[in-house]
Protein backbone atom coordinates (compact mmCIF):
# COMPACT_ATOMS: atom_id res chain seq x y z
CA UNK A 1 -41.23 0.00 56.69
CA UNK A 2 -42.65 -0.22 59.80
CA UNK A 3 -41.76 -4.17 60.22
CA UNK A 4 -38.10 -3.53 59.67
CA UNK A 5 -38.08 -0.37 61.60
CA UNK A 6 -39.72 -2.26 64.35
CA UNK A 7 -37.81 -5.55 64.49
CA UNK A 8 -34.31 -3.65 64.04
CA UNK A 9 -35.39 -1.16 66.65
CA UNK A 10 -34.23 1.53 64.37
CA UNK A 11 -36.05 5.27 63.26
CA UNK A 12 -38.75 5.11 60.69
CA UNK A 13 -37.01 7.14 58.68
CA UNK A 14 -33.84 5.41 57.94
CA UNK A 15 -35.99 2.88 56.16
CA UNK A 16 -38.18 5.23 54.35
CA UNK A 17 -35.39 6.73 52.50
CA UNK A 18 -33.85 3.88 51.77
CA UNK A 19 -36.79 2.52 50.47
CA UNK A 20 -37.04 5.52 48.15
CA UNK A 21 -33.69 4.47 46.69
CA UNK A 22 -34.81 0.74 45.88
CA UNK A 23 -37.72 2.34 44.38
CA UNK A 24 -35.39 4.26 41.72
CA UNK A 25 -32.98 1.22 41.19
CA UNK A 26 -36.15 -0.57 39.96
CA UNK A 27 -37.25 2.15 37.45
CA UNK A 28 -34.34 4.24 36.65
CA UNK A 29 -33.58 2.54 33.46
CA UNK A 30 -37.20 2.46 32.03
CA UNK A 31 -38.97 5.39 32.57
CA UNK A 32 -38.54 9.30 32.63
CA UNK A 33 -41.08 12.08 34.09
CA UNK A 34 -41.57 15.22 32.08
CA UNK A 35 -42.90 17.82 33.63
CA UNK A 36 -42.88 20.40 30.80
CA UNK A 37 -41.83 20.20 27.45
CA UNK A 38 -38.66 21.27 28.00
CA UNK A 39 -38.24 19.63 31.65
CA UNK A 40 -37.56 16.09 31.91
CA UNK A 41 -36.12 14.24 35.11
CA UNK A 42 -34.73 11.08 35.30
CA UNK A 43 -36.03 8.67 38.09
CA UNK A 44 -32.59 8.01 39.86
CA UNK A 45 -31.98 9.34 43.52
CA UNK A 46 -29.20 9.93 46.07
CA UNK A 47 -30.67 8.60 49.30
CA UNK A 48 -28.67 8.97 52.89
CA UNK A 49 -29.70 8.39 56.01
CA UNK A 50 -27.62 10.16 58.55
CA UNK A 51 -27.26 8.14 61.97
CA UNK A 52 -24.45 7.78 64.58
CA UNK A 53 -22.48 4.48 65.00
CA UNK A 54 -24.27 1.19 66.77
CA UNK A 55 -28.33 2.25 64.87
CA UNK A 56 -28.01 -0.88 63.26
CA UNK A 57 -27.93 0.74 59.60
CA UNK A 58 -26.38 -2.31 57.98
CA UNK A 59 -29.08 -4.21 59.52
CA UNK A 60 -32.08 -2.04 57.65
CA UNK A 61 -29.92 -1.55 54.09
CA UNK A 62 -29.35 -5.69 54.18
CA UNK A 63 -33.15 -6.00 54.75
CA UNK A 64 -34.26 -3.49 52.17
CA UNK A 65 -31.73 -4.47 49.93
CA UNK A 66 -31.88 -8.39 50.29
CA UNK A 67 -34.66 -8.92 47.35
CA UNK A 68 -32.93 -6.56 44.94
CA UNK A 69 -29.27 -9.02 45.83
CA UNK A 70 -31.23 -12.05 44.95
CA UNK A 71 -32.64 -11.17 41.55
CA UNK A 72 -29.17 -10.26 40.48
CA UNK A 73 -27.91 -13.58 41.47
CA UNK A 74 -30.96 -14.91 39.57
CA UNK A 75 -30.38 -13.42 36.49
CA UNK A 76 -26.60 -13.86 36.56
CA UNK A 77 -27.33 -17.15 36.59
CA UNK A 78 -30.22 -17.46 33.67
CA UNK A 79 -27.20 -15.34 31.40
CA UNK A 80 -24.48 -17.23 32.22
CA UNK A 81 -24.43 -19.87 28.98
CA UNK A 82 -25.40 -16.52 27.13
CA UNK A 83 -22.60 -14.45 28.23
CA UNK A 84 -20.41 -17.57 27.89
CA UNK A 85 -21.22 -18.15 24.21
CA UNK A 86 -21.00 -14.40 23.54
CA UNK A 87 -17.51 -14.37 25.10
CA UNK A 88 -16.48 -16.98 22.84
CA UNK A 89 -17.95 -15.63 19.58
CA UNK A 90 -15.93 -12.48 20.50
CA UNK A 91 -13.10 -14.75 21.36
CA UNK A 92 -13.23 -16.40 17.89
CA UNK A 93 -13.36 -13.31 15.91
CA UNK A 94 -10.74 -11.73 16.90
CA UNK A 95 -8.51 -14.86 16.14
CA UNK A 96 -10.20 -14.94 12.83
CA UNK A 97 -9.04 -11.35 12.24
CA UNK A 98 -5.55 -11.71 12.86
CA UNK A 99 -5.38 -15.40 10.96
CA UNK A 100 -6.96 -12.85 8.15
CA UNK A 101 -4.42 -10.28 8.53
CA UNK A 102 -1.86 -12.69 8.54
CA UNK A 103 -2.64 -14.16 6.01
CA UNK A 104 -3.57 -10.57 3.58
CA UNK A 105 0.47 -9.36 4.64
CA UNK A 106 2.02 -12.80 3.86
CA UNK A 107 1.26 -13.21 0.40
CA UNK A 108 -0.69 -16.39 1.30
CA UNK A 109 -3.70 -16.97 -0.86
CA UNK A 110 -5.94 -14.71 -2.83
CA UNK A 111 -5.03 -11.34 -1.47
CA UNK A 112 -8.43 -9.14 -2.81
CA UNK A 113 -10.03 -12.53 -1.15
CA UNK A 114 -8.03 -12.28 2.08
CA UNK A 115 -8.31 -8.44 2.45
CA UNK A 116 -12.30 -8.57 1.69
CA UNK A 117 -12.07 -11.36 4.90
CA UNK A 118 -10.48 -9.31 6.91
CA UNK A 119 -12.47 -6.44 6.58
CA UNK A 120 -15.56 -8.28 7.18
CA UNK A 121 -14.26 -9.82 9.80
CA UNK A 122 -12.95 -5.83 11.50
CA UNK A 123 -16.50 -5.19 10.69
CA UNK A 124 -18.37 -7.53 12.91
CA UNK A 125 -15.83 -7.12 15.75
CA UNK A 126 -16.76 -3.27 15.59
CA UNK A 127 -20.44 -3.79 15.52
CA UNK A 128 -20.31 -7.10 17.85
CA UNK A 129 -21.96 -6.11 21.11
CA UNK A 130 -20.48 -7.00 23.72
CA UNK A 131 -22.76 -9.17 27.17
CA UNK A 132 -21.82 -8.49 30.74
CA UNK A 133 -22.86 -10.03 34.27
CA UNK A 134 -25.95 -8.79 35.48
CA UNK A 135 -25.49 -6.35 37.91
CA UNK A 136 -27.97 -3.72 39.91
CA UNK A 137 -25.67 -2.43 42.92
CA UNK A 138 -22.37 -1.59 43.27
CA UNK A 139 -20.70 -1.09 47.00
CA UNK A 140 -17.13 0.75 47.33
CA UNK A 141 -15.95 1.80 44.03
CA UNK A 142 -13.63 3.85 42.01
CA UNK A 143 -15.31 6.75 40.25
CA UNK A 144 -13.41 5.40 36.93
CA UNK A 145 -14.50 1.75 37.30
CA UNK A 146 -18.05 3.20 38.40
CA UNK A 147 -18.08 4.97 35.07
CA UNK A 148 -16.87 1.10 33.32
CA UNK A 149 -20.08 -0.65 35.49
CA UNK A 150 -22.50 1.93 33.96
CA UNK A 151 -21.54 1.64 30.57
CA UNK A 152 -21.57 -2.48 30.72
CA UNK A 153 -25.35 -1.99 32.50
CA UNK A 154 -26.40 0.70 29.83
CA UNK A 155 -25.91 3.07 31.72
CA UNK A 156 -27.88 2.40 35.30
CA UNK A 157 -26.58 1.46 38.51
CA UNK A 158 -27.07 2.05 42.01
CA UNK A 159 -24.00 2.40 44.50
CA UNK A 160 -25.15 0.89 47.83
CA UNK A 161 -22.77 1.05 51.38
CA UNK A 162 -23.27 0.93 55.07
CA UNK A 163 -20.78 3.30 55.09
CA UNK A 164 -18.69 6.52 53.81
CA UNK A 165 -16.05 5.53 52.05
CA UNK A 166 -17.56 7.02 48.70
CA UNK A 167 -17.44 10.16 50.18
CA UNK A 168 -13.70 9.28 50.18
CA UNK A 169 -13.33 7.82 46.70
CA UNK A 170 -15.36 10.78 45.14
CA UNK A 171 -12.46 13.37 47.02
CA UNK A 172 -9.54 11.19 45.73
CA UNK A 173 -8.62 8.69 48.03
CA UNK A 174 -7.45 6.40 45.07
CA UNK A 175 -6.43 9.67 43.13
CA UNK A 176 -5.06 12.80 43.10
CA UNK A 177 -7.70 15.14 43.67
CA UNK A 178 -11.61 15.56 43.69
CA UNK A 179 -12.90 13.05 40.77
CA UNK A 180 -16.70 13.09 41.14
CA UNK A 181 -18.20 13.85 37.69
CA UNK A 182 -19.96 10.38 37.40
CA UNK A 183 -21.44 11.48 40.22
CA UNK A 184 -23.06 15.22 38.82
CA UNK A 185 -23.82 13.37 35.50
CA UNK A 186 -25.27 10.19 36.60
CA UNK A 187 -27.79 12.12 39.02
CA UNK A 188 -28.68 14.73 36.22
CA UNK A 189 -28.59 12.39 33.30
CA UNK A 190 -26.14 14.47 31.63
CA UNK A 191 -23.85 12.14 29.09
CA UNK A 192 -20.82 10.69 30.16
CA UNK A 193 -17.54 10.62 27.70
CA UNK A 194 -14.14 9.24 29.13
CA UNK A 195 -11.18 8.47 26.82
CA UNK A 196 -8.28 7.01 28.58
CA UNK A 197 -5.14 6.16 27.58
CA UNK A 198 -5.02 2.42 26.71
CA UNK A 199 -8.07 1.84 27.32
CA UNK A 200 -11.44 2.07 25.29
CA UNK A 201 -13.91 5.21 25.36
CA UNK A 202 -16.56 5.09 27.58
CA UNK A 203 -19.80 6.85 26.06
CA UNK A 204 -23.07 7.13 27.94
CA UNK A 205 -25.75 8.69 26.54
CA UNK A 206 -28.05 8.86 28.90
CA UNK A 207 -26.61 7.90 32.61
CA UNK A 208 -28.71 6.48 35.25
CA UNK A 209 -27.31 7.02 38.86
CA UNK A 210 -28.73 6.02 42.44
CA UNK A 211 -27.17 5.99 45.66
CA UNK A 212 -28.44 4.05 48.94
CA UNK A 213 -26.16 5.00 51.85
CA UNK A 214 -26.25 5.08 55.16
CA UNK A 215 -23.37 7.19 57.22
CA UNK A 216 -22.55 8.90 60.92
CA UNK A 217 -23.01 12.45 61.48
CA UNK A 218 -18.96 13.06 61.11
CA UNK A 219 -19.30 11.83 57.29
CA UNK A 220 -22.14 14.56 56.71
CA UNK A 221 -19.73 17.35 58.31
CA UNK A 222 -16.83 16.26 56.06
CA UNK A 223 -19.07 16.59 53.54
CA UNK A 224 -19.68 20.23 53.55
CA UNK A 225 -15.95 21.05 54.26
CA UNK A 226 -15.16 19.93 51.10
CA UNK A 227 -15.76 23.22 49.22
CA UNK A 228 -15.26 21.35 45.73
CA UNK A 229 -18.18 19.30 46.60
CA UNK A 230 -20.24 22.19 47.66
CA UNK A 231 -19.47 24.41 45.09
CA UNK A 232 -20.18 22.45 42.10
CA UNK A 233 -23.65 21.03 43.44
CA UNK A 234 -23.15 17.69 44.76
CA UNK A 235 -24.54 17.84 48.43
CA UNK A 236 -27.66 19.73 46.94
CA UNK A 237 -28.36 16.53 44.69
CA UNK A 238 -28.79 13.97 48.27
CA UNK A 239 -32.09 13.30 50.32
CA UNK A 240 -31.24 13.43 54.02
CA UNK A 241 -33.00 11.86 56.29
CA UNK A 242 -31.28 12.77 59.99
CA UNK A 243 -32.32 9.63 61.99
CA UNK A 244 -33.02 10.14 65.62
CA UNK A 245 -31.64 7.62 67.80
CA UNK A 246 -33.39 5.23 69.40
CA UNK A 247 -30.59 3.47 71.22
CA UNK A 248 -31.35 3.56 75.63
CA UNK A 249 -34.94 2.95 74.21
CA UNK A 250 -34.98 0.35 72.14
CA UNK A 251 -36.93 -3.26 72.78
CA UNK A 252 -34.35 -5.85 73.74
CA UNK A 253 -36.84 -8.81 71.78
CA UNK A 254 -38.79 -6.68 69.45
CA UNK A 255 -40.74 -8.81 67.10
CA UNK A 256 -39.47 -10.44 64.18
CA UNK A 257 -40.79 -9.06 60.69
CA UNK A 258 -43.92 -11.28 60.21
CA UNK A 259 -43.08 -13.91 57.42
CA UNK A 260 -45.90 -12.90 55.21
CA UNK A 261 -44.73 -9.59 55.27
CA UNK A 262 -41.13 -10.40 53.82
CA UNK A 263 -42.86 -12.56 51.51
CA UNK A 264 -44.95 -9.66 49.99
CA UNK A 265 -41.80 -7.15 50.27
CA UNK A 266 -39.61 -10.22 48.14
CA UNK A 267 -42.68 -10.48 45.81
CA UNK A 268 -43.04 -6.56 44.83
CA UNK A 269 -39.30 -5.88 44.67
CA UNK A 270 -38.68 -8.76 42.22
CA UNK A 271 -42.32 -7.20 40.52
CA UNK A 272 -40.84 -3.88 39.99
CA UNK A 273 -37.59 -5.12 38.60
CA UNK A 274 -38.57 -7.25 36.22
CA UNK A 275 -41.17 -4.70 34.79
CA UNK A 276 -40.73 -4.66 30.94
CA UNK A 277 -42.59 -1.82 30.52
CA UNK A 278 -40.54 1.88 29.22
CA UNK A 279 -41.33 5.25 28.54
CA UNK A 280 -42.29 8.70 29.63
CA UNK A 281 -44.74 9.04 32.84
CA UNK A 282 -45.85 12.45 32.51
CA UNK A 283 -48.76 14.79 34.74
CA UNK A 284 -52.38 15.20 35.09
CA UNK A 285 -53.64 18.37 35.00
CA UNK A 286 -54.78 18.68 38.65
CA UNK A 287 -51.57 17.05 39.09
CA UNK A 288 -49.47 19.95 37.55
CA UNK A 289 -50.68 22.52 39.36
CA UNK A 290 -50.13 20.93 42.92
CA UNK A 291 -46.33 20.78 41.85
CA UNK A 292 -46.37 24.45 40.43
CA UNK A 293 -47.91 25.51 43.55
CA UNK A 294 -45.64 23.97 45.60
CA UNK A 295 -42.66 24.82 43.03
CA UNK A 296 -44.03 28.88 44.25
CA UNK A 297 -43.71 28.05 47.57
CA UNK A 298 -40.16 26.73 47.24
CA UNK A 299 -39.01 29.77 45.30
CA UNK A 300 -39.88 32.27 48.44
CA UNK A 301 -38.20 29.96 50.53
CA UNK A 302 -35.16 30.00 48.05
CA UNK A 303 -35.44 33.91 48.98
CA UNK A 304 -35.60 34.13 52.70
CA UNK A 305 -34.67 30.97 55.09
CA UNK A 306 -33.54 28.79 52.91
CA UNK A 307 -30.53 31.48 51.32
CA UNK A 308 -27.92 29.50 52.84
CA UNK A 309 -29.06 25.95 50.88
CA UNK A 310 -30.02 27.45 47.63
CA UNK A 311 -27.84 24.48 45.68
CA UNK A 312 -30.32 22.03 47.50
CA UNK A 313 -33.56 23.96 47.37
CA UNK A 314 -33.36 24.49 43.40
CA UNK A 315 -33.27 20.85 42.99
CA UNK A 316 -36.29 19.54 45.46
CA UNK A 317 -39.41 20.19 42.98
CA UNK A 318 -37.28 17.99 40.41
CA UNK A 319 -36.76 15.32 43.42
CA UNK A 320 -39.98 15.70 43.94
CA UNK A 321 -42.04 14.75 40.93
CA UNK A 322 -39.36 12.28 40.59
CA UNK A 323 -40.90 10.23 43.69
CA UNK A 324 -44.41 10.98 42.45
CA UNK A 325 -43.25 9.10 39.47
CA UNK A 326 -41.81 5.98 41.34
CA UNK A 327 -44.91 5.84 43.68
CA UNK A 328 -47.10 5.86 40.30
CA UNK A 329 -44.49 3.07 38.76
CA UNK A 330 -44.95 1.29 42.00
CA UNK A 331 -48.49 1.36 42.31
CA UNK A 332 -50.42 2.12 38.78
CA UNK A 333 -51.97 -1.21 37.37
CA UNK A 334 -50.05 -1.28 33.46
CA UNK A 335 -47.87 0.59 31.64
CA UNK A 336 -47.29 3.57 34.33
CA UNK A 337 -46.21 5.77 30.93
CA UNK A 338 -50.02 5.09 29.58
CA UNK A 339 -51.67 6.92 32.79
CA UNK A 340 -50.83 10.28 34.42
CA UNK A 341 -49.79 10.46 37.57
CA UNK A 342 -52.71 11.41 39.72
CA UNK A 343 -53.33 14.24 42.28
CA UNK A 344 -53.57 11.41 45.42
CA UNK A 345 -49.88 10.46 44.62
CA UNK A 346 -48.85 14.32 43.87
CA UNK A 347 -49.62 14.93 47.01
CA UNK A 348 -48.13 12.21 48.61
CA UNK A 349 -45.03 12.73 46.94
CA UNK A 350 -45.38 16.73 48.73
CA UNK A 351 -45.75 15.55 52.15
CA UNK A 352 -42.22 13.84 51.29
CA UNK A 353 -40.60 16.47 50.15
CA UNK A 354 -41.87 18.61 53.54
CA UNK A 355 -40.32 15.93 54.82
CA UNK A 356 -37.46 15.91 53.59
CA UNK A 357 -36.76 19.45 53.67
CA UNK A 358 -36.75 19.53 57.17
CA UNK A 359 -34.34 17.13 57.57
CA UNK A 360 -32.48 19.22 54.52
CA UNK A 361 -32.03 22.03 57.02
CA UNK A 362 -30.91 19.73 59.87
CA UNK A 363 -28.16 18.63 57.59
CA UNK A 364 -26.98 21.76 56.39
CA UNK A 365 -26.54 23.23 59.87
CA UNK A 366 -24.49 20.05 61.14
CA UNK A 367 -22.81 20.26 57.57
CA UNK A 368 -22.26 23.91 57.94
CA UNK A 369 -21.03 23.18 61.56
CA UNK A 370 -21.86 26.73 62.60
CA UNK A 371 -21.42 28.54 65.97
CA UNK A 372 -25.72 29.78 65.75
CA UNK A 373 -26.10 26.10 65.92
CA UNK A 374 -23.74 24.55 67.87
CA UNK A 375 -25.47 27.21 70.57
CA UNK A 376 -28.42 25.98 69.80
CA UNK A 377 -27.15 22.15 71.00
CA UNK A 378 -26.24 24.07 73.80
CA UNK A 379 -29.59 25.06 74.95
CA UNK A 380 -31.15 22.34 74.24
CA UNK A 381 -29.15 20.12 76.50
CA UNK A 382 -29.55 22.38 79.47
CA UNK A 383 -33.19 22.41 78.43
CA UNK A 384 -33.39 18.57 78.60
CA UNK A 385 -31.54 18.85 81.85
CA UNK A 386 -34.68 20.44 83.42
CA UNK A 387 -37.59 18.43 82.48
CA UNK A 388 -39.65 21.28 82.17
CA UNK A 389 -42.09 21.25 79.45
CA UNK A 390 -42.12 25.03 80.01
CA UNK A 391 -40.28 27.89 81.31
CA UNK A 392 -39.46 31.50 80.62
CA UNK A 393 -37.04 33.24 78.35
CA UNK A 394 -35.09 34.78 81.49
CA UNK A 395 -35.04 31.28 83.28
CA UNK A 396 -33.46 29.96 80.42
CA UNK A 397 -30.72 32.37 80.15
CA UNK A 398 -29.99 31.92 84.01
CA UNK A 399 -29.51 28.15 82.72
CA UNK A 400 -26.82 29.57 80.63
CA UNK A 401 -25.53 32.68 81.92
CA UNK A 402 -22.01 31.17 81.28
CA UNK A 403 -22.20 30.64 77.70
CA UNK A 404 -24.26 34.02 77.02
CA UNK A 405 -23.34 37.66 78.55
CA UNK A 406 -26.79 39.13 77.95
CA UNK A 407 -30.32 37.73 77.37
CA UNK A 408 -29.53 39.33 73.37
CA UNK A 409 -26.60 37.24 72.56
CA UNK A 410 -28.62 34.02 73.46
CA UNK A 411 -31.93 35.05 70.93
CA UNK A 412 -29.90 33.44 67.68
CA UNK A 413 -29.74 30.39 69.04
CA UNK A 414 -33.06 30.17 70.56
CA UNK A 415 -34.66 31.15 66.88
CA UNK A 416 -32.82 28.32 65.75
CA UNK A 417 -34.67 25.82 68.21
CA UNK A 418 -38.10 27.60 67.29
CA UNK A 419 -37.62 27.39 63.81
CA UNK A 420 -36.62 23.63 64.50
CA UNK A 421 -40.02 23.31 66.14
CA UNK A 422 -37.96 22.12 69.33
CA UNK A 423 -39.42 25.19 71.13
CA UNK A 424 -42.45 27.60 70.49
CA UNK A 425 -42.42 30.59 72.23
CA UNK A 426 -45.87 32.42 73.63
CA UNK A 427 -46.96 35.29 75.15
CA UNK A 428 -49.10 35.50 78.48
CA UNK A 429 -51.75 37.82 79.51
CA UNK A 430 -51.07 39.30 82.98
CA UNK A 431 -52.74 41.91 83.29
CA UNK A 432 -49.87 44.45 82.12
CA UNK A 433 -47.23 43.64 80.47
CA UNK A 434 -47.09 40.54 78.41
CA UNK A 435 -45.11 37.80 79.78
CA UNK A 436 -43.51 35.62 77.26
CA UNK A 437 -43.01 31.93 77.88
CA UNK A 438 -41.10 28.94 76.22
CA UNK A 439 -43.51 25.60 75.45
CA UNK A 440 -41.12 22.34 74.67
CA UNK A 441 -42.37 20.29 71.92
CA UNK A 442 -46.14 20.93 73.28
CA UNK A 443 -48.03 19.10 70.40
CA UNK A 444 -44.93 16.10 70.93
CA UNK A 445 -45.24 13.40 73.89
CA UNK A 446 -42.03 12.03 72.53
CA UNK A 447 -40.11 15.61 73.42
CA UNK A 448 -38.42 15.01 76.04
CA UNK A 449 -36.99 11.52 74.82
CA UNK A 450 -36.25 13.33 71.58
CA UNK A 451 -34.66 16.51 73.31
CA UNK A 452 -31.53 13.95 72.85
CA UNK A 453 -31.74 13.96 69.12
CA UNK A 454 -30.47 17.89 68.40
CA UNK A 455 -27.91 17.61 71.67
CA UNK A 456 -26.02 14.16 70.07
CA UNK A 457 -26.03 16.46 66.10
CA UNK A 458 -29.34 14.65 65.18
């Protein structure tokens, strides 16, 4: 992932979040993970990288998914003859059945024999299994067509797009009113049954839907503005990476991805896509202890600072275990279902969950477009304009006096910056009453550069 980020001059979190989606694409149809006998999770993920226009999102998503498209094309070529024969066989059965019906109703030949022939042919057609061209990825499609594609592919597919058009489709771009049950059920693995006049019924008992999306901040804002999306839990299903812009600091001629790295990645993707193993992945006792500890930690947050994003926080433990299972399946030797997830893998997944949690907080603030966050962005711009590494709260207030009437009015926005780690408040002993100072990202050498991120809404 580092090589892709370097060659495209994009932030590592963009390639990182999308690479999780590639793992989910490979394993979602093969494995589930069991946390308790009553709690199992499918291995699909909704991964979204958020970055402004001009951030080379298409280049990153193309580099990561190219081996997937190549594998998909090869499988279609291998199966082409068999699919053509399958379609011909269906057509012959249909014609034979029609001929048998006509012969029976017109009284040609022995009625009993023709009737038996027609019934036999209709039974064969009822049990006939259609073959369809192999698909792993889909792009811009309606919810109705997406259900058809999933049905054709054994219930699993990945939506991969460098644009945000999928949200327009969910909101009803082609139909009146929102229609996104497939996106809710496809993430949870809940059975999908769709009956439509004039078309065959879609029945998918174990749907698996993964999404690899790169979108602009404006799309993210619109996502939360849709109360139906938020109210039915769609927003809480996504794993967000809020990408820090590199525009203005990018190398003009970066090194390309080394040939050996490209070849190794291609071989890795082909290996995980072609694995024939399947089953239920389980946690080792030590890994489960890590899960329980983290779940308890999250539960406290849901009753406190995450109260406004409970829909997302309520799913992060399950997402963490899904990520652990995906990492386990990609790394373990042999059948992943025969070896439990190790504590080391679970600890790594916990670190990823913490990373995603910090980005989700920012995503929800952007999606909520609340006044407090807008004020925090304003403060960050004013701090960045000074070039200072520390200042007093009163000095900051003087910089922003046109926006805030009192120091107390500035406090909520300042607290947002403190909670996000952009600013730290300390007390300095002066021999009398302690003085409070604001330290600007004291542990981050990129602080001055990164101040642009919050100011731009990233």
